[in-house]
Amino acid sequence: MNLPNKITISRIFLIPLFLILMMAPLPFGEVSTAGMDVPIAHLLGAALFIIASTTDWIDGYYARKYNMVTNLGKFLDPLADKLLVSAALIAIVDLDLIAGAGWAAIIIISREFGVTGLRLVLAGEGEVVAANMLGKIKTWTQIIAISAILLYNLPFEFVSFPFAAIALWISVVFTVISGWDYFAKNKQAFVNSK
């Protein structure tokens, strides 16, 4: 297994630790800022989410720079992204961190299941489809939005600017557009696989 694939797998292994920080009643206390009491464990979880998210860029960089792109990597990288984003969205909904998170989570996770299903069908036909630029933009808008939500909209909360909410809905728009694009580009291959 090459280095980029190991980095991708490390992203998957960070998910349980992230969820423990976000969901378990840890005795780390709270910090008061911008008129809110923010659990320190949540801030640590946000930092871990951001670190895990940056591995998406790192593994892709090494795979392309050193010509280590593999079919396993083409499969694992988007899977790791989907698992991390889905876990974070479910935690956000469970913790009720932002209004509308449930709807956003349903749209985003549904798109991810749909695209993953199509990828599996195409893989059964011998086709491995790597993420395209719209898919990468979608992933990064989701990561930015989720990071902002996990950070309790800080530092924007100091000036009462709803950056996290705006970023969330921008990510939903890119999720829908990229999903539509993915199905449109692969429609013929999907039809031929029946």
Protein backbone atom coordinates (compact mmCIF):
# COMPACT_ATOMS: atom_id res chain seq x y z
CA MET A 1 0.00 0.00 0.00
CA ASN A 2 1.50 3.35 -1.00
CA LEU A 3 1.80 6.52 1.13
CA PRO A 4 -1.23 8.39 -0.29
CA ASN A 5 -3.48 5.40 0.43
CA LYS A 6 -2.10 5.16 3.98
CA ILE A 7 -2.86 8.86 4.48
CA THR A 8 -6.40 8.28 3.19
CA ILE A 9 -6.89 5.37 5.60
CA SER A 10 -5.63 7.54 8.48
CA ARG A 11 -8.52 9.90 7.71
CA ILE A 12 -10.95 7.04 8.20
CA PHE A 13 -9.30 6.04 11.51
CA LEU A 14 -9.60 9.62 12.85
CA ILE A 15 -13.43 9.53 12.55
CA PRO A 16 -14.11 7.56 15.78
CA LEU A 17 -11.82 9.87 17.77
CA PHE A 18 -13.60 12.89 16.28
CA LEU A 19 -16.98 11.43 17.26
CA ILE A 20 -15.83 10.73 20.81
CA LEU A 21 -14.73 14.35 21.20
CA MET A 22 -18.03 15.63 19.84
CA MET A 23 -20.50 13.18 21.36
CA ALA A 24 -19.08 11.79 24.62
CA PRO A 25 -19.58 13.73 27.87
CA LEU A 26 -15.91 14.53 28.40
CA PRO A 27 -14.84 16.50 31.49
CA PHE A 28 -12.77 19.14 29.65
CA GLY A 29 -14.97 22.08 30.64
CA GLU A 30 -16.06 25.02 28.56
CA VAL A 31 -14.68 28.30 27.33
CA SER A 32 -16.84 31.45 27.26
CA THR A 33 -16.48 33.46 24.07
CA ALA A 34 -18.70 35.67 21.93
CA GLY A 35 -21.50 35.29 24.48
CA MET A 36 -21.45 31.49 24.28
CA ASP A 37 -20.19 28.64 26.41
CA VAL A 38 -18.35 26.35 24.00
CA PRO A 39 -17.27 22.87 25.18
CA ILE A 40 -13.50 22.49 24.91
CA ALA A 41 -14.03 18.93 23.65
CA HIS A 42 -16.00 20.35 20.71
CA LEU A 43 -13.17 22.73 19.85
CA LEU A 44 -10.75 19.80 19.97
CA GLY A 45 -13.16 17.83 17.77
CA ALA A 46 -13.30 20.74 15.31
CA ALA A 47 -9.49 20.87 15.21
CA LEU A 48 -9.34 17.11 14.59
CA PHE A 49 -11.95 17.40 11.82
CA ILE A 50 -9.87 20.12 10.16
CA ILE A 51 -6.69 18.04 10.46
CA ALA A 52 -8.46 14.98 9.04
CA SER A 53 -9.87 17.09 6.21
CA THR A 54 -6.44 18.39 5.22
CA THR A 55 -5.30 14.82 4.63
CA ASP A 56 -7.62 14.90 1.60
CA TRP A 57 -5.40 17.50 -0.01
CA ILE A 58 -2.17 15.84 1.19
CA ASP A 59 -2.95 12.37 -0.16
CA GLY A 60 -4.04 13.78 -3.52
CA TYR A 61 -0.94 15.96 -3.75
CA TYR A 62 1.43 13.05 -3.12
CA ALA A 63 -0.47 10.70 -5.40
CA ARG A 64 -0.30 13.12 -8.33
CA LYS A 65 3.21 14.49 -7.71
CA TYR A 66 4.85 11.09 -7.33
CA ASN A 67 2.64 9.26 -9.83
CA MET A 68 1.11 7.01 -7.15
CA VAL A 69 -2.52 7.24 -8.30
CA THR A 70 -4.14 3.81 -7.91
CA ASN A 71 -7.61 2.38 -8.40
CA LEU A 72 -7.67 1.68 -4.66
CA GLY A 73 -6.91 5.35 -4.00
CA LYS A 74 -9.60 6.47 -6.45
CA PHE A 75 -12.06 4.37 -4.46
CA LEU A 76 -10.80 5.04 -0.91
CA ASP A 77 -10.32 8.82 -1.17
CA PRO A 78 -13.94 9.73 -1.92
CA LEU A 79 -15.12 7.05 0.52
CA ALA A 80 -13.02 8.57 3.32
CA ASP A 81 -14.41 12.02 2.47
CA LYS A 82 -17.98 10.73 2.56
CA LEU A 83 -17.49 8.93 5.88
CA LEU A 84 -15.87 11.96 7.52
CA VAL A 85 -18.45 14.44 6.22
CA SER A 86 -21.38 12.14 7.08
CA ALA A 87 -20.09 11.56 10.62
CA ALA A 88 -19.64 15.29 11.14
CA LEU A 89 -23.10 16.13 9.77
CA ILE A 90 -24.77 13.53 11.97
CA ALA A 91 -22.92 14.91 15.02
CA ILE A 92 -23.99 18.46 14.08
CA VAL A 93 -27.63 17.37 13.77
CA ASP A 94 -27.49 15.41 17.04
CA LEU A 95 -25.96 18.35 18.90
CA ASP A 96 -28.35 20.81 17.21
CA LEU A 97 -25.49 23.20 16.42
CA ILE A 98 -27.21 25.09 13.59
CA ALA A 99 -30.72 25.56 12.21
CA GLY A 100 -31.49 23.57 9.08
CA ALA A 101 -28.69 21.07 9.62
CA GLY A 102 -31.10 18.13 9.35
CA TRP A 103 -32.24 19.12 5.85
CA ALA A 104 -28.69 19.83 4.74
CA ALA A 105 -27.51 16.48 6.12
CA ILE A 106 -30.29 14.60 4.30
CA ILE A 107 -29.44 16.26 0.97
CA ILE A 108 -25.68 15.83 1.33
CA ILE A 109 -25.75 12.24 2.60
CA SER A 110 -28.36 11.21 0.00
CA ARG A 111 -26.15 12.56 -2.78
CA GLU A 112 -23.18 10.69 -1.34
CA PHE A 113 -25.10 7.39 -1.20
CA GLY A 114 -26.35 7.90 -4.76
CA VAL A 115 -22.91 8.64 -6.18
CA THR A 116 -21.33 5.78 -4.21
CA GLY A 117 -23.99 3.41 -5.53
CA LEU A 118 -23.30 4.52 -9.09
CA ARG A 119 -19.56 4.12 -8.52
CA LEU A 120 -20.13 0.54 -7.33
CA VAL A 121 -22.22 -0.27 -10.38
CA LEU A 122 -19.57 1.20 -12.67
CA ALA A 123 -16.81 -0.61 -10.77
CA GLY A 124 -18.67 -3.86 -11.43
CA GLU A 125 -18.36 -3.01 -15.11
CA GLY A 126 -14.63 -2.42 -14.73
CA GLU A 127 -14.82 1.39 -14.65
CA VAL A 128 -13.28 3.37 -11.82
CA VAL A 129 -14.39 7.00 -11.88
CA ALA A 130 -12.18 9.51 -10.10
CA ALA A 131 -13.61 12.66 -8.57
CA ASN A 132 -13.88 15.61 -10.95
CA MET A 133 -13.37 19.31 -10.21
CA LEU A 134 -17.02 19.89 -9.22
CA GLY A 135 -16.77 17.01 -6.77
CA LYS A 136 -13.64 18.53 -5.26
CA ILE A 137 -15.30 21.94 -4.93
CA LYS A 138 -18.29 20.23 -3.31
CA THR A 139 -16.03 18.47 -0.82
CA TRP A 140 -14.16 21.64 0.11
CA THR A 141 -17.33 23.71 0.52
CA GLN A 142 -18.66 20.98 2.81
CA ILE A 143 -15.43 20.94 4.82
CA ILE A 144 -15.43 24.74 5.18
CA ALA A 145 -19.09 24.77 6.24
CA ILE A 146 -18.72 21.90 8.70
CA SER A 147 -15.54 23.43 10.17
CA ALA A 148 -17.33 26.76 10.68
CA ILE A 149 -20.26 25.02 12.37
CA LEU A 150 -18.01 22.90 14.60
CA LEU A 151 -16.17 26.09 15.60
CA TYR A 152 -19.51 27.62 16.64
CA ASN A 153 -19.22 30.22 13.83
CA LEU A 154 -16.09 31.68 15.43
CA PRO A 155 -14.59 34.21 14.74
CA PHE A 156 -17.60 35.46 12.76
CA GLU A 157 -19.83 35.20 15.83
CA PHE A 158 -18.05 38.25 17.30
CA VAL A 159 -19.64 40.43 14.59
CA SER A 160 -22.90 38.43 14.36
CA PHE A 161 -22.20 37.37 10.78
CA PRO A 162 -23.83 33.99 9.98
CA PHE A 163 -20.86 32.63 8.00
CA ALA A 164 -21.47 29.02 9.08
CA ALA A 165 -25.12 29.07 7.93
CA ILE A 166 -24.25 30.69 4.58
CA ALA A 167 -21.38 28.25 4.03
CA LEU A 168 -23.66 25.30 4.83
CA TRP A 169 -26.20 26.24 2.17
CA ILE A 170 -23.48 27.02 -0.39
CA SER A 171 -22.17 23.50 0.22
CA VAL A 172 -25.68 22.10 -0.30
CA VAL A 173 -25.93 23.92 -3.65
CA PHE A 174 -22.57 22.51 -4.78
CA THR A 175 -23.60 19.07 -3.51
CA VAL A 176 -26.71 19.10 -5.72
CA ILE A 177 -24.89 20.52 -8.75
CA SER A 178 -22.00 18.06 -8.51
CA GLY A 179 -24.37 15.14 -7.99
CA TRP A 180 -26.40 16.12 -11.05
CA ASP A 181 -23.20 16.52 -13.08
CA TYR A 182 -21.87 13.13 -11.92
CA PHE A 183 -25.06 11.30 -12.89
CA ALA A 184 -25.35 13.17 -16.21
CA LYS A 185 -21.77 12.33 -17.21
CA ASN A 186 -22.11 8.68 -16.22
CA LYS A 187 -25.71 8.09 -17.29
CA GLN A 188 -24.83 6.13 -20.43
CA ALA A 189 -22.42 3.84 -18.59
CA PHE A 190 -25.06 3.25 -15.93
CA VAL A 191 -27.74 2.45 -18.55
CA ASN A 192 -25.38 0.08 -20.36
CA SER A 193 -24.66 -1.82 -17.13
CA LYS A 194 -28.23 -3.06 -16.76
